């Protein structure tokens, strides 16, 4: 069981990285990371993410999915385009969770920081997920989102 965390970010090339970590008993029990760097393959990669996220969530049946929301893009509409890819990826995973009736909780960087003694998001991630074996920084952030809700 456990709790799943989702962290999505856009790449400079308007692609995305979407990471899911399922954390139970202080261990990452499953993880997924899908990235897209080719705008021509964007739709196909989103479908790959949907299928993989559905399979992971069905296999692990987490108590909930904690979504580390994409922070608002500084700079207005011109910067919004840079976060759009990550928002699409987030939506695909939300749809997978909804299809499996998994409760979803939304959080932001400052809320995650508030669950720790840290003053910055990077420090909070270290405190929440520092001992967890994650392959990438994005998976560590997804795990930190999950752990932040387990503390409540």
Protein backbone atom coordinates (compact mmCIF):
# COMPACT_ATOMS: atom_id res chain seq x y z
CA UNK A 1 0.00 0.00 0.00
CA UNK A 2 1.74 3.22 1.08
CA UNK A 3 1.36 6.68 -0.39
CA UNK A 4 2.28 7.76 -3.90
CA UNK A 5 3.88 11.09 -4.74
CA UNK A 6 3.89 12.80 -8.14
CA UNK A 7 6.39 15.39 -9.28
CA UNK A 8 6.31 16.82 -12.82
CA UNK A 9 8.53 19.45 -14.35
CA UNK A 10 9.05 20.92 -17.78
CA UNK A 11 12.34 20.74 -19.62
CA UNK A 12 13.92 23.72 -21.31
CA UNK A 13 12.96 22.24 -24.69
CA UNK A 14 9.27 22.25 -23.68
CA UNK A 15 9.32 18.54 -22.91
CA UNK A 16 8.59 17.11 -19.49
CA UNK A 17 9.68 14.71 -16.79
CA UNK A 18 6.97 12.99 -14.74
CA UNK A 19 8.01 10.99 -11.67
CA UNK A 20 5.95 8.85 -9.32
CA UNK A 21 7.27 7.26 -6.13
CA UNK A 22 5.29 4.96 -3.86
CA UNK A 23 6.56 5.10 -0.28
CA UNK A 24 5.62 2.56 2.41
CA UNK A 25 7.32 1.92 5.75
CA UNK A 26 10.16 4.31 4.97
CA UNK A 27 11.02 2.67 1.64
CA UNK A 28 10.33 3.48 -2.00
CA UNK A 29 8.42 0.36 -3.01
CA UNK A 30 7.86 1.36 -6.63
CA UNK A 31 8.78 4.21 -8.91
CA UNK A 32 8.22 5.46 -12.42
CA UNK A 33 9.85 8.19 -14.46
CA UNK A 34 8.80 9.11 -17.99
CA UNK A 35 10.40 11.94 -19.90
CA UNK A 36 9.76 13.55 -23.26
CA UNK A 37 12.24 15.71 -25.11
CA UNK A 38 10.83 15.43 -28.63
CA UNK A 39 7.80 17.63 -29.28
CA UNK A 40 6.82 15.38 -32.21
CA UNK A 41 6.47 12.44 -29.78
CA UNK A 42 4.65 14.42 -27.07
CA UNK A 43 1.23 12.78 -27.48
CA UNK A 44 2.69 9.27 -27.70
CA UNK A 45 4.80 9.87 -24.59
CA UNK A 46 1.75 11.12 -22.67
CA UNK A 47 -0.05 7.91 -23.61
CA UNK A 48 2.98 5.89 -22.47
CA UNK A 49 2.84 7.79 -19.16
CA UNK A 50 -0.90 7.13 -18.78
CA UNK A 51 -0.50 3.39 -19.31
CA UNK A 52 2.58 3.09 -17.06
CA UNK A 53 1.03 5.23 -14.28
CA UNK A 54 -2.20 3.20 -14.43
CA UNK A 55 -0.24 -0.05 -14.14
CA UNK A 56 1.87 1.20 -11.23
CA UNK A 57 -1.12 2.59 -9.32
CA UNK A 58 -3.19 -0.56 -9.94
CA UNK A 59 -0.31 -2.77 -8.80
CA UNK A 60 0.50 -0.81 -5.61
CA UNK A 61 -2.97 0.56 -4.72
CA UNK A 62 -1.64 3.47 -2.66
CA UNK A 63 -3.83 5.09 0.00
CA UNK A 64 -3.52 8.31 -1.94
CA UNK A 65 -1.60 10.30 -4.52
CA UNK A 66 0.13 13.47 -3.36
CA UNK A 67 0.69 15.86 -6.25
CA UNK A 68 3.52 18.37 -5.85
CA UNK A 69 1.82 21.05 -7.91
CA UNK A 70 3.71 22.96 -10.53
CA UNK A 71 4.63 26.32 -9.09
CA UNK A 72 3.29 29.31 -11.03
CA UNK A 73 5.66 30.38 -13.76
CA UNK A 74 7.30 33.71 -13.02
CA UNK A 75 7.02 36.07 -15.96
CA UNK A 76 3.39 35.63 -16.92
CA UNK A 77 2.00 34.17 -20.12
CA UNK A 78 5.33 33.86 -21.91
CA UNK A 79 6.58 31.59 -19.12
CA UNK A 80 3.32 29.65 -18.97
CA UNK A 81 4.28 27.82 -22.18
CA UNK A 82 7.31 26.38 -20.41
CA UNK A 83 5.13 24.72 -17.75
CA UNK A 84 2.36 23.53 -20.07
CA UNK A 85 4.07 20.21 -20.85
CA UNK A 86 4.43 19.36 -17.17
CA UNK A 87 0.80 20.32 -16.57
CA UNK A 88 -0.31 17.92 -19.30
CA UNK A 89 1.75 15.12 -17.75
CA UNK A 90 0.27 15.87 -14.33
CA UNK A 91 -3.22 15.68 -15.81
CA UNK A 92 -2.55 12.28 -17.38
CA UNK A 93 -1.49 10.83 -14.02
CA UNK A 94 -4.51 12.44 -12.31
CA UNK A 95 -6.77 10.71 -14.83
CA UNK A 96 -5.08 7.36 -14.09
CA UNK A 97 -5.59 7.87 -10.34
CA UNK A 98 -9.21 8.89 -10.83
CA UNK A 99 -9.95 5.78 -12.90
CA UNK A 100 -8.74 3.68 -9.95
CA UNK A 101 -10.65 5.77 -7.34
CA UNK A 102 -7.39 6.82 -5.64
CA UNK A 103 -7.73 9.91 -3.48
CA UNK A 104 -5.64 12.85 -4.65
CA UNK A 105 -4.15 15.56 -2.43
CA UNK A 106 -2.45 18.64 -3.85
CA UNK A 107 0.51 20.33 -2.24
CA UNK A 108 3.13 22.93 -3.13
CA UNK A 109 6.76 23.44 -2.35
CA UNK A 110 6.12 25.81 0.54
CA UNK A 111 3.64 23.37 2.13
CA UNK A 112 6.20 20.58 1.88
CA UNK A 113 8.81 22.84 3.48
CA UNK A 114 6.36 23.57 6.31
CA UNK A 115 6.28 19.86 7.26
CA UNK A 116 10.03 19.98 7.98
CA UNK A 117 12.57 22.05 9.88
CA UNK A 118 13.97 23.28 6.54
CA UNK A 119 13.67 26.74 5.04
CA UNK A 120 14.03 25.77 1.35
CA UNK A 121 12.47 23.09 -0.83
CA UNK A 122 15.78 21.35 -1.57
CA UNK A 123 16.52 21.09 2.18
CA UNK A 124 12.98 19.79 2.81
CA UNK A 125 13.44 17.11 0.15
CA UNK A 126 16.71 16.09 1.83
CA UNK A 127 14.97 15.86 5.21
CA UNK A 128 11.95 13.94 3.93
CA UNK A 129 13.58 11.66 1.37
CA UNK A 130 17.27 11.76 2.19
CA UNK A 131 17.46 8.13 3.30
CA UNK A 132 15.26 6.79 0.50
CA UNK A 133 16.99 5.15 -2.46
CA UNK A 134 15.74 7.12 -5.47
CA UNK A 135 17.27 6.89 -8.95
CA UNK A 136 16.80 10.58 -9.80
CA UNK A 137 16.20 13.95 -8.18
CA UNK A 138 12.67 14.06 -9.59
CA UNK A 139 11.83 10.70 -7.99
CA UNK A 140 13.27 12.00 -4.68
CA UNK A 141 10.91 14.97 -4.94
CA UNK A 142 7.96 12.68 -5.66
CA UNK A 143 8.92 10.58 -2.63
CA UNK A 144 9.24 13.72 -0.48
CA UNK A 145 5.71 14.75 -1.49
CA UNK A 146 4.41 11.33 -0.40
CA UNK A 147 6.32 11.40 2.90
CA UNK A 148 5.14 14.95 3.66
CA UNK A 149 1.55 13.68 3.80
CA UNK A 150 2.47 10.61 5.82
CA UNK A 151 3.65 12.96 8.59
CA UNK A 152 0.18 14.44 9.01
